[in-house]
C-alpha atoms as a PDB file:
ATOM      1  CA  UNK A   1     111.948-104.314  59.125  1.00  0.00           C
ATOM      2  CA  UNK A   2     108.982-105.267  61.305  1.00  0.00           C
ATOM      3  CA  UNK A   3     111.190-105.903  64.319  1.00  0.00           C
ATOM      4  CA  UNK A   4     112.758-102.454  64.045  1.00  0.00           C
ATOM      5  CA  UNK A   5     109.402-100.727  63.756  1.00  0.00           C
ATOM      6  CA  UNK A   6     108.056-102.408  66.865  1.00  0.00           C
ATOM      7  CA  UNK A   7     111.148-101.870  68.981  1.00  0.00           C
ATOM      8  CA  UNK A   8     110.592 -99.567  71.965  1.00  0.00           C
ATOM      9  CA  UNK A   9     106.940 -98.742  71.096  1.00  0.00           C
ATOM     10  CA  UNK A  10     105.661 -95.426  72.425  1.00  0.00           C
ATOM     11  CA  UNK A  11     102.365 -95.736  74.252  1.00  0.00           C
ATOM     12  CA  UNK A  12      99.861 -92.969  74.922  1.00  0.00           C
ATOM     13  CA  UNK A  13     101.138 -92.874  78.503  1.00  0.00           C
ATOM     14  CA  UNK A  14     104.677 -92.297  77.200  1.00  0.00           C
ATOM     15  CA  UNK A  15     103.433 -89.333  75.158  1.00  0.00           C
ATOM     16  CA  UNK A  16     101.541 -87.898  78.148  1.00  0.00           C
ATOM     17  CA  UNK A  17     104.602 -88.131  80.367  1.00  0.00           C
ATOM     18  CA  UNK A  18     106.755 -86.423  77.767  1.00  0.00           C
ATOM     19  CA  UNK A  19     104.101 -83.725  77.247  1.00  0.00           C
ATOM     20  CA  UNK A  20     104.082 -82.650  80.898  1.00  0.00           C
ATOM     21  CA  UNK A  21     107.880 -82.846  81.110  1.00  0.00           C
ATOM     22  CA  UNK A  22     108.288 -80.711  77.971  1.00  0.00           C
ATOM     23  CA  UNK A  23     106.000 -77.925  79.199  1.00  0.00           C
ATOM     24  CA  UNK A  24     108.162 -75.136  80.574  1.00  0.00           C
ATOM     25  CA  UNK A  25     107.736 -71.481  81.452  1.00  0.00           C
ATOM     26  CA  UNK A  26     108.859 -68.729  79.069  1.00  0.00           C
ATOM     27  CA  UNK A  27     107.745 -65.833  81.240  1.00  0.00           C
ATOM     28  CA  UNK A  28     105.134 -65.088  83.905  1.00  0.00           C
ATOM     29  CA  UNK A  29     102.138 -65.973  81.679  1.00  0.00           C
ATOM     30  CA  UNK A  30     103.526 -67.866  78.659  1.00  0.00           C
ATOM     31  CA  UNK A  31     104.572 -71.517  78.392  1.00  0.00           C
ATOM     32  CA  UNK A  32     106.607 -73.329  75.745  1.00  0.00           C
ATOM     33  CA  UNK A  33     104.790 -76.495  74.652  1.00  0.00           C
ATOM     34  CA  UNK A  34     106.390 -76.667  71.215  1.00  0.00           C
ATOM     35  CA  UNK A  35     107.958 -80.149  71.345  1.00  0.00           C
ATOM     36  CA  UNK A  36     107.244 -81.151  67.735  1.00  0.00           C
ATOM     37  CA  UNK A  37     107.443 -84.881  68.471  1.00  0.00           C
ATOM     38  CA  UNK A  38     104.146 -84.535  70.347  1.00  0.00           C
ATOM     39  CA  UNK A  39     102.311 -83.703  67.109  1.00  0.00           C
ATOM     40  CA  UNK A  40     102.540 -87.365  66.145  1.00  0.00           C
ATOM     41  CA  UNK A  41     100.657 -89.167  68.875  1.00  0.00           C
ATOM     42  CA  UNK A  42      99.155 -92.513  67.805  1.00  0.00           C
ATOM     43  CA  UNK A  43      96.058 -91.914  65.672  1.00  0.00           C
ATOM     44  CA  UNK A  44      96.657 -88.164  65.191  1.00  0.00           C
ATOM     45  CA  UNK A  45      98.635 -88.362  61.935  1.00  0.00           C
ATOM     46  CA  UNK A  46      95.602 -87.928  59.665  1.00  0.00           C
ATOM     47  CA  UNK A  47      95.121 -84.247  60.528  1.00  0.00           C
ATOM     48  CA  UNK A  48      98.746 -83.510  59.657  1.00  0.00           C
ATOM     49  CA  UNK A  49      98.489 -85.381  56.353  1.00  0.00           C
ATOM     50  CA  UNK A  50      95.305 -83.442  55.483  1.00  0.00           C
ATOM     51  CA  UNK A  51      97.087 -80.081  55.922  1.00  0.00           C
ATOM     52  CA  UNK A  52      99.941 -81.278  53.696  1.00  0.00           C
ATOM     53  CA  UNK A  53      98.169 -83.136  50.921  1.00  0.00           C
ATOM     54  CA  UNK A  54      94.875 -81.330  50.291  1.00  0.00           C
ATOM     55  CA  UNK A  55      94.120 -77.884  48.913  1.00  0.00           C
ATOM     56  CA  UNK A  56      94.587 -75.773  52.042  1.00  0.00           C
ATOM     57  CA  UNK A  57      96.181 -72.353  52.694  1.00  0.00           C
ATOM     58  CA  UNK A  58      99.042 -74.240  54.372  1.00  0.00           C
ATOM     59  CA  UNK A  59      99.719 -76.452  51.355  1.00  0.00           C
ATOM     60  CA  UNK A  60      99.609 -73.468  48.990  1.00  0.00           C
ATOM     61  CA  UNK A  61     101.860 -71.304  51.168  1.00  0.00           C
ATOM     62  CA  UNK A  62     104.283 -73.917  52.502  1.00  0.00           C
ATOM     63  CA  UNK A  63     104.084 -77.495  51.192  1.00  0.00           C
ATOM     64  CA  UNK A  64     103.915 -76.789  47.459  1.00  0.00           C
ATOM     65  CA  UNK A  65     106.628 -74.065  47.370  1.00  0.00           C
ATOM     66  CA  UNK A  66     108.946 -76.202  49.536  1.00  0.00           C
ATOM     67  CA  UNK A  67     108.466 -79.230  47.286  1.00  0.00           C
ATOM     68  CA  UNK A  68     109.205 -77.092  44.223  1.00  0.00           C
ATOM     69  CA  UNK A  69     112.349 -75.748  45.905  1.00  0.00           C
ATOM     70  CA  UNK A  70     113.713 -79.198  46.846  1.00  0.00           C
ATOM     71  CA  UNK A  71     113.156 -80.400  43.291  1.00  0.00           C
ATOM     72  CA  UNK A  72     114.998 -77.362  41.882  1.00  0.00           C
ATOM     73  CA  UNK A  73     118.123 -77.806  44.049  1.00  0.00           C
ATOM     74  CA  UNK A  74     118.257 -81.611  44.291  1.00  0.00           C
ATOM     75  CA  UNK A  75     121.069 -82.171  41.782  1.00  0.00           C
ATOM     76  CA  UNK A  76     123.092 -79.231  43.053  1.00  0.00           C
ATOM     77  CA  UNK A  77     122.774 -80.594  46.607  1.00  0.00           C
ATOM     78  CA  UNK A  78     123.631 -84.169  45.575  1.00  0.00           C
ATOM     79  CA  UNK A  79     126.858 -82.989  43.916  1.00  0.00           C
ATOM     80  CA  UNK A  80     128.075 -81.884  47.362  1.00  0.00           C
ATOM     81  CA  UNK A  81     127.630 -85.385  48.844  1.00  0.00           C
ATOM     82  CA  UNK A  82     130.132 -88.282  48.756  1.00  0.00           C
ATOM     83  CA  UNK A  83     129.836 -91.277  46.408  1.00  0.00           C
ATOM     84  CA  UNK A  84     128.379 -93.448  49.204  1.00  0.00           C
ATOM     85  CA  UNK A  85     126.697 -92.264  52.380  1.00  0.00           C
ATOM     86  CA  UNK A  86     124.061 -92.906  55.014  1.00  0.00           C
ATOM     87  CA  UNK A  87     120.912 -90.883  54.313  1.00  0.00           C
ATOM     88  CA  UNK A  88     119.403 -90.070  57.748  1.00  0.00           C
ATOM     89  CA  UNK A  89     115.948 -88.611  57.075  1.00  0.00           C
ATOM     90  CA  UNK A  90     114.590 -86.892  60.190  1.00  0.00           C
ATOM     91  CA  UNK A  91     110.783 -86.944  60.146  1.00  0.00           C
ATOM     92  CA  UNK A  92     110.125 -88.194  56.575  1.00  0.00           C
ATOM     93  CA  UNK A  93     106.409 -87.334  56.645  1.00  0.00           C
ATOM     94  CA  UNK A  94     104.046 -88.360  53.868  1.00  0.00           C
ATOM     95  CA  UNK A  95     104.879 -86.201  50.830  1.00  0.00           C
ATOM     96  CA  UNK A  96     108.033 -88.113  49.762  1.00  0.00           C
ATOM     97  CA  UNK A  97     110.162 -85.033  49.084  1.00  0.00           C
ATOM     98  CA  UNK A  98     113.137 -87.394  49.484  1.00  0.00           C
ATOM     99  CA  UNK A  99     112.287 -88.765  46.027  1.00  0.00           C
ATOM    100  CA  UNK A 100     113.983 -85.778  44.396  1.00  0.00           C
ATOM    101  CA  UNK A 101     117.245 -86.721  46.109  1.00  0.00           C
ATOM    102  CA  UNK A 102     116.764 -90.410  45.311  1.00  0.00           C
ATOM    103  CA  UNK A 103     116.471 -89.488  41.625  1.00  0.00           C
ATOM    104  CA  UNK A 104     119.478 -87.152  41.723  1.00  0.00           C
ATOM    105  CA  UNK A 105     121.649 -89.812  43.398  1.00  0.00           C
ATOM    106  CA  UNK A 106     120.637 -92.417  40.836  1.00  0.00           C
ATOM    107  CA  UNK A 107     121.424 -90.041  37.980  1.00  0.00           C
ATOM    108  CA  UNK A 108     124.907 -89.388  39.404  1.00  0.00           C
ATOM    109  CA  UNK A 109     125.624 -93.013  40.271  1.00  0.00           C
ATOM    110  CA  UNK A 110     125.817 -92.339  44.002  1.00  0.00           C
ATOM    111  CA  UNK A 111     124.690 -94.975  46.524  1.00  0.00           C
ATOM    112  CA  UNK A 112     123.306 -94.791  50.043  1.00  0.00           C
ATOM    113  CA  UNK A 113     121.431 -96.609  52.772  1.00  0.00           C
ATOM    114  CA  UNK A 114     118.183 -94.804  53.570  1.00  0.00           C
ATOM    115  CA  UNK A 115     117.465 -94.513  57.311  1.00  0.00           C
ATOM    116  CA  UNK A 116     114.208 -92.667  58.026  1.00  0.00           C
ATOM    117  CA  UNK A 117     113.802 -91.571  61.644  1.00  0.00           C
ATOM    118  CA  UNK A 118     110.445 -90.914  63.283  1.00  0.00           C
ATOM    119  CA  UNK A 119     108.422 -91.633  66.389  1.00  0.00           C
ATOM    120  CA  UNK A 120     105.494 -92.657  64.175  1.00  0.00           C
ATOM    121  CA  UNK A 121     105.555 -96.315  63.110  1.00  0.00           C
ATOM    122  CA  UNK A 122     103.118 -95.426  60.332  1.00  0.00           C
ATOM    123  CA  UNK A 123     105.424 -92.855  58.721  1.00  0.00           C
ATOM    124  CA  UNK A 124     108.419 -95.158  59.105  1.00  0.00           C
ATOM    125  CA  UNK A 125     106.666 -98.010  57.372  1.00  0.00           C
ATOM    126  CA  UNK A 126     105.487 -95.778  54.513  1.00  0.00           C
ATOM    127  CA  UNK A 127     108.896 -94.198  53.941  1.00  0.00           C
ATOM    128  CA  UNK A 128     110.868 -97.450  54.186  1.00  0.00           C
ATOM    129  CA  UNK A 129     108.533 -99.219  51.768  1.00  0.00           C
ATOM    130  CA  UNK A 130     108.723 -96.293  49.340  1.00  0.00           C
ATOM    131  CA  UNK A 131     112.520 -96.673  49.234  1.00  0.00           C
ATOM    132  CA  UNK A 132     112.561-100.467  49.155  1.00  0.00           C
ATOM    133  CA  UNK A 133     110.113-100.568  46.250  1.00  0.00           C
ATOM    134  CA  UNK A 134     112.837 -98.781  44.245  1.00  0.00           C
ATOM    135  CA  UNK A 135     115.563-101.208  45.277  1.00  0.00           C
ATOM    136  CA  UNK A 136     117.026 -98.844  47.893  1.00  0.00           C
ATOM    137  CA  UNK A 137     118.286-100.411  51.125  1.00  0.00           C
ATOM    138  CA  UNK A 138     116.206 -99.004  54.013  1.00  0.00           C
ATOM    139  CA  UNK A 139     116.778 -99.235  57.754  1.00  0.00           C
ATOM    140  CA  UNK A 140     114.033 -97.324  59.648  1.00  0.00           C
ATOM    141  CA  UNK A 141     114.728 -96.097  63.176  1.00  0.00           C
ATOM    142  CA  UNK A 142     111.942 -95.386  65.663  1.00  0.00           C
ATOM    143  CA  UNK A 143     113.401 -92.713  67.875  1.00  0.00           C
ATOM    144  CA  UNK A 144     113.141 -89.175  69.103  1.00  0.00           C
ATOM    145  CA  UNK A 145     115.687 -86.853  67.532  1.00  0.00           C
ATOM    146  CA  UNK A 146     117.331 -86.257  70.914  1.00  0.00           C
ATOM    147  CA  UNK A 147     118.089 -89.954  71.430  1.00  0.00           C
ATOM    148  CA  UNK A 148     119.340 -90.500  67.889  1.00  0.00           C
ATOM    149  CA  UNK A 149     123.061 -89.645  68.235  1.00  0.00           C
ATOM    150  CA  UNK A 150     123.446 -92.304  70.929  1.00  0.00           C
ATOM    151  CA  UNK A 151     121.395 -94.860  68.986  1.00  0.00           C
ATOM    152  CA  UNK A 152     123.393 -94.300  65.795  1.00  0.00           C
ATOM    153  CA  UNK A 153     126.776 -94.552  67.502  1.00  0.00           C
ATOM    154  CA  UNK A 154     129.876 -94.112  65.367  1.00  0.00           C
ATOM    155  CA  UNK A 155     130.024 -94.925  61.672  1.00  0.00           C
ATOM    156  CA  UNK A 156     132.788 -95.177  59.096  1.00  0.00           C
ATOM    157  CA  UNK A 157     130.288 -94.198  56.398  1.00  0.00           C
ATOM    158  CA  UNK A 158     129.691 -90.441  56.015  1.00  0.00           C
ATOM    159  CA  UNK A 159     126.253 -89.294  57.143  1.00  0.00           C
ATOM    160  CA  UNK A 160     123.884 -86.975  55.334  1.00  0.00           C
ATOM    161  CA  UNK A 161     121.222 -85.871  57.824  1.00  0.00           C
ATOM    162  CA  UNK A 162     118.130 -84.229  56.304  1.00  0.00           C
ATOM    163  CA  UNK A 163     115.785 -82.183  58.487  1.00  0.00           C
ATOM    164  CA  UNK A 164     114.219 -79.773  56.002  1.00  0.00           C
ATOM    165  CA  UNK A 165     111.656 -77.235  57.189  1.00  0.00           C
ATOM    166  CA  UNK A 166     111.322 -78.958  60.581  1.00  0.00           C
ATOM    167  CA  UNK A 167     114.361 -76.816  61.399  1.00  0.00           C
ATOM    168  CA  UNK A 168     111.866 -73.982  61.916  1.00  0.00           C
ATOM    169  CA  UNK A 169     110.135 -75.851  64.759  1.00  0.00           C
ATOM    170  CA  UNK A 170     113.144 -75.346  67.049  1.00  0.00           C
ATOM    171  CA  UNK A 171     115.220 -72.526  68.399  1.00  0.00           C
ATOM    172  CA  UNK A 172     118.258 -72.474  66.068  1.00  0.00           C
ATOM    173  CA  UNK A 173     120.908 -72.951  68.751  1.00  0.00           C
ATOM    174  CA  UNK A 174     119.127 -76.041  70.084  1.00  0.00           C
ATOM    175  CA  UNK A 175     118.581 -77.846  66.789  1.00  0.00           C
ATOM    176  CA  UNK A 176     121.973 -76.978  65.255  1.00  0.00           C
ATOM    177  CA  UNK A 177     123.753 -78.426  68.289  1.00  0.00           C
ATOM    178  CA  UNK A 178     121.673 -81.601  67.952  1.00  0.00           C
ATOM    179  CA  UNK A 179     122.395 -81.853  64.220  1.00  0.00           C
ATOM    180  CA  UNK A 180     126.128 -81.538  64.885  1.00  0.00           C
ATOM    181  CA  UNK A 181     125.949 -84.460  67.315  1.00  0.00           C
ATOM    182  CA  UNK A 182     123.922 -86.513  64.821  1.00  0.00           C
ATOM    183  CA  UNK A 183     126.113 -85.973  61.738  1.00  0.00           C
ATOM    184  CA  UNK A 184     129.212 -87.159  63.550  1.00  0.00           C
ATOM    185  CA  UNK A 185     132.743 -86.891  62.211  1.00  0.00           C
ATOM    186  CA  UNK A 186     132.810 -85.777  58.578  1.00  0.00           C
ATOM    187  CA  UNK A 187     129.032 -85.764  58.199  1.00  0.00           C
ATOM    188  CA  UNK A 188     126.730 -83.127  56.744  1.00  0.00           C
ATOM    189  CA  UNK A 189     123.154 -82.000  57.391  1.00  0.00           C
ATOM    190  CA  UNK A 190     120.544 -80.223  55.310  1.00  0.00           C
ATOM    191  CA  UNK A 191     117.942 -77.734  56.527  1.00  0.00           C
ATOM    192  CA  UNK A 192     115.758 -75.268  54.735  1.00  0.00           C
ATOM    193  CA  UNK A 193     113.843 -72.244  55.906  1.00  0.00           C
ATOM    194  CA  UNK A 194     111.185 -69.937  54.517  1.00  0.00           C
ATOM    195  CA  UNK A 195     112.434 -66.364  54.747  1.00  0.00           C
ATOM    196  CA  UNK A 196     110.133 -63.834  56.383  1.00  0.00           C
ATOM    197  CA  UNK A 197     111.162 -61.039  54.026  1.00  0.00           C
ATOM    198  CA  UNK A 198     110.127 -63.076  50.960  1.00  0.00           C
ATOM    199  CA  UNK A 199     106.567 -63.925  51.958  1.00  0.00           C
ATOM    200  CA  UNK A 200     103.318 -62.232  52.856  1.00  0.00           C
ATOM    201  CA  UNK A 201     103.404 -62.753  56.627  1.00  0.00           C
ATOM    202  CA  UNK A 202      99.699 -61.974  56.990  1.00  0.00           C
ATOM    203  CA  UNK A 203      98.794 -64.773  54.588  1.00  0.00           C
ATOM    204  CA  UNK A 204     101.197 -67.152  56.328  1.00  0.00           C
ATOM    205  CA  UNK A 205      99.650 -66.368  59.722  1.00  0.00           C
ATOM    206  CA  UNK A 206      96.259 -67.241  58.230  1.00  0.00           C
ATOM    207  CA  UNK A 207      97.715 -70.537  56.970  1.00  0.00           C
ATOM    208  CA  UNK A 208      98.665 -71.414  60.558  1.00  0.00           C
ATOM    209  CA  UNK A 209      95.198 -70.463  61.846  1.00  0.00           C
ATOM    210  CA  UNK A 210      91.609 -71.637  61.397  1.00  0.00           C
ATOM    211  CA  UNK A 211      91.339 -75.322  60.495  1.00  0.00           C
ATOM    212  CA  UNK A 212      95.099 -75.760  60.911  1.00  0.00           C
ATOM    213  CA  UNK A 213      94.644 -75.514  64.691  1.00  0.00           C
ATOM    214  CA  UNK A 214      93.178 -79.030  64.544  1.00  0.00           C
ATOM    215  CA  UNK A 215      96.720 -80.328  63.980  1.00  0.00           C
ATOM    216  CA  UNK A 216      97.773 -78.987  67.386  1.00  0.00           C
ATOM    217  CA  UNK A 217      94.639 -79.914  69.337  1.00  0.00           C
ATOM    218  CA  UNK A 218      95.907 -83.451  70.011  1.00  0.00           C
ATOM    219  CA  UNK A 219      98.727 -81.989  72.091  1.00  0.00           C
ATOM    220  CA  UNK A 220      96.207 -80.316  74.399  1.00  0.00           C
ATOM    221  CA  UNK A 221      94.579 -83.668  75.099  1.00  0.00           C
ATOM    222  CA  UNK A 222      97.925 -85.054  76.281  1.00  0.00           C
ATOM    223  CA  UNK A 223      97.879 -82.571  79.174  1.00  0.00           C
ATOM    224  CA  UNK A 224      94.195 -83.136  79.942  1.00  0.00           C
ATOM    225  CA  UNK A 225      92.707 -80.137  78.131  1.00  0.00           C
ATOM    226  CA  UNK A 226      89.726 -80.270  75.803  1.00  0.00           C
ATOM    227  CA  UNK A 227      90.866 -78.180  72.797  1.00  0.00           C
ATOM    228  CA  UNK A 228      87.384 -76.677  72.407  1.00  0.00           C
ATOM    229  CA  UNK A 229      85.938 -76.433  75.914  1.00  0.00           C
ATOM    230  CA  UNK A 230      89.092 -75.698  77.912  1.00  0.00           C
ATOM    231  CA  UNK A 231      90.834 -73.245  75.569  1.00  0.00           C
ATOM    232  CA  UNK A 232      89.594 -69.664  75.751  1.00  0.00           C
ATOM    233  CA  UNK A 233      91.433 -68.364  72.676  1.00  0.00           C
ATOM    234  CA  UNK A 234      93.614 -69.563  69.799  1.00  0.00           C
ATOM    235  CA  UNK A 235      95.864 -67.148  67.921  1.00  0.00           C
ATOM    236  CA  UNK A 236      98.974 -67.028  65.735  1.00  0.00           C
ATOM    237  CA  UNK A 237     101.570 -64.258  65.845  1.00  0.00           C
ATOM    238  CA  UNK A 238     103.854 -63.177  63.005  1.00  0.00           C
ATOM    239  CA  UNK A 239     106.719 -65.167  64.581  1.00  0.00           C
ATOM    240  CA  UNK A 240     105.133 -67.701  63.449  1.00  0.00           C
ATOM    241  CA  UNK A 241     104.011 -69.058  66.858  1.00  0.00           C
ATOM    242  CA  UNK A 242     100.634 -70.480  67.813  1.00  0.00           C
ATOM    243  CA  UNK A 243      99.193 -69.613  71.234  1.00  0.00           C
ATOM    244  CA  UNK A 244      96.352 -71.295  73.164  1.00  0.00           C
ATOM    245  CA  UNK A 245      94.955 -69.323  76.109  1.00  0.00           C
ATOM    246  CA  UNK A 246      93.989 -71.580  79.024  1.00  0.00           C
ATOM    247  CA  UNK A 247      90.323 -71.321  80.052  1.00  0.00           C
ATOM    248  CA  UNK A 248      90.360 -74.260  82.444  1.00  0.00           C
ATOM    249  CA  UNK A 249      93.119 -76.110  84.274  1.00  0.00           C
ATOM    250  CA  UNK A 250      93.397 -79.495  85.989  1.00  0.00           C
ATOM    251  CA  UNK A 251      95.349 -80.820  89.006  1.00  0.00           C
ATOM    252  CA  UNK A 252      98.433 -81.809  86.978  1.00  0.00           C
ATOM    253  CA  UNK A 253      98.647 -78.410  85.296  1.00  0.00           C
ATOM    254  CA  UNK A 254      98.070 -76.723  88.653  1.00  0.00           C
ATOM    255  CA  UNK A 255     101.107 -78.554  90.015  1.00  0.00           C
ATOM    256  CA  UNK A 256     103.180 -77.291  87.082  1.00  0.00           C
ATOM    257  CA  UNK A 257     102.086 -73.734  87.923  1.00  0.00           C
ATOM    258  CA  UNK A 258      99.836 -73.158  84.897  1.00  0.00           C
ATOM    259  CA  UNK A 259      97.037 -70.672  85.697  1.00  0.00           C
ATOM    260  CA  UNK A 260      93.828 -69.528  84.037  1.00  0.00           C
ATOM    261  CA  UNK A 261      94.637 -67.003  81.341  1.00  0.00           C
ATOM    262  CA  UNK A 262      98.158 -68.346  80.761  1.00  0.00           C
ATOM    263  CA  UNK A 263      99.143 -69.005  77.141  1.00  0.00           C
ATOM    264  CA  UNK A 264     100.554 -72.294  75.876  1.00  0.00           C
ATOM    265  CA  UNK A 265     102.597 -72.398  72.652  1.00  0.00           C
ATOM    266  CA  UNK A 266     101.898 -75.781  70.985  1.00  0.00           C
ATOM    267  CA  UNK A 267     104.033 -75.026  67.946  1.00  0.00           C
ATOM    268  CA  UNK A 268     106.478 -72.533  66.529  1.00  0.00           C
ATOM    269  CA  UNK A 269     107.481 -72.434  62.882  1.00  0.00           C
ATOM    270  CA  UNK A 270     109.977 -69.610  62.858  1.00  0.00           C
ATOM    271  CA  UNK A 271     110.595 -67.551  59.728  1.00  0.00           C
ATOM    272  CA  UNK A 272     114.079 -65.985  59.915  1.00  0.00           C
ATOM    273  CA  UNK A 273     115.616 -63.318  57.738  1.00  0.00           C
ATOM    274  CA  UNK A 274     118.390 -64.458  55.389  1.00  0.00           C
ATOM    275  CA  UNK A 275     120.948 -62.698  57.570  1.00  0.00           C
ATOM    276  CA  UNK A 276     119.781 -64.453  60.740  1.00  0.00           C
ATOM    277  CA  UNK A 277     119.699 -67.869  59.068  1.00  0.00           C
ATOM    278  CA  UNK A 278     123.272 -67.477  57.849  1.00  0.00           C
ATOM    279  CA  UNK A 279     124.541 -66.095  61.159  1.00  0.00           C
ATOM    280  CA  UNK A 280     122.905 -68.934  63.116  1.00  0.00           C
ATOM    281  CA  UNK A 281     124.145 -71.738  60.853  1.00  0.00           C
ATOM    282  CA  UNK A 282     127.675 -70.435  60.405  1.00  0.00           C
ATOM    283  CA  UNK A 283     128.103 -70.130  64.171  1.00  0.00           C
ATOM    284  CA  UNK A 284     127.912 -73.943  64.436  1.00  0.00           C
ATOM    285  CA  UNK A 285     128.775 -75.069  60.879  1.00  0.00           C
ATOM    286  CA  UNK A 286     131.263 -72.491  59.523  1.00  0.00           C
ATOM    287  CA  UNK A 287     131.622 -74.178  56.102  1.00  0.00           C
ATOM    288  CA  UNK A 288     127.901 -74.158  55.271  1.00  0.00           C
ATOM    289  CA  UNK A 289     126.790 -74.055  51.636  1.00  0.00           C
ATOM    290  CA  UNK A 290     123.597 -72.199  50.670  1.00  0.00           C
ATOM    291  CA  UNK A 291     121.074 -72.935  47.934  1.00  0.00           C
ATOM    292  CA  UNK A 292     118.905 -70.072  46.768  1.00  0.00           C
ATOM    293  CA  UNK A 293     116.461 -69.978  43.851  1.00  0.00           C
ATOM    294  CA  UNK A 294     115.300 -66.440  44.718  1.00  0.00           C
ATOM    295  CA  UNK A 295     111.913 -67.766  45.884  1.00  0.00           C
ATOM    296  CA  UNK A 296     110.696 -67.940  49.488  1.00  0.00           C
ATOM    297  CA  UNK A 297     112.841 -70.915  50.580  1.00  0.00           C
ATOM    298  CA  UNK A 298     116.583 -71.089  51.086  1.00  0.00           C
ATOM    299  CA  UNK A 299     118.469 -74.308  51.822  1.00  0.00           C
ATOM    300  CA  UNK A 300     121.634 -74.861  53.827  1.00  0.00           C
ATOM    301  CA  UNK A 301     124.053 -77.784  53.679  1.00  0.00           C
ATOM    302  CA  UNK A 302     125.645 -77.728  57.099  1.00  0.00           C
ATOM    303  CA  UNK A 303     129.273 -78.845  57.135  1.00  0.00           C
END
């Protein structure tokens, strides 16, 4: 496992290069800087873990309800999967929500090879060890999501690709196309979303504000901005999109065309309506199956 984790290590310079390349203009004054991979620069993981695992507005509004939802649908979801498959876990994180599916598979006698995928060696090591300690074969892959289809190649074993709520960090058309390439022939993928018409949007906006901004500050440093001194304003809209207003630039940002007063969007965590979610997913995966417990989350098995 050690050799896999250390293959193609991503240095701070690699992250900086990707950060500037990912920054692109939305309109005259707004810039998309939402590449979610950039949230996991070396040494920045602790802030993310804190938001997830401690008593915060984010954990109460998002992490805990999502965990409860995955637990509730785990057996129903597992019944849709083949007797043996590759479990491709995109961005496994630290909360081990995959355990609910591990337990459901064991109960039904289904087998799989667990392949967590992340750019963070720390998360890969944690997730692989968690599976191996239960006797589950694990093969971690250090990769960006975009490079994954090529790295995986073709497989005779059906793939189950799990993305979860990270689906909301992308424009639907972009991520669904990538998931289709990753699942391959005969594969399936799972995403879930929190529906905007089932939550208090004002409370959710607050959950993505205040101390939660610390999670996104590391991205500003990649493009040479001090998240306190060089950012004039931080705000979250009901999209849910976070915006940082630029109070100071630097030569590299000047060359990109970023000006004082422009807004950078370090993250989006979109909350669709049920109708939009179903329209988006069925456009790419027409045989999708939906899981709904009548709470704020709804899951989709894309096939």
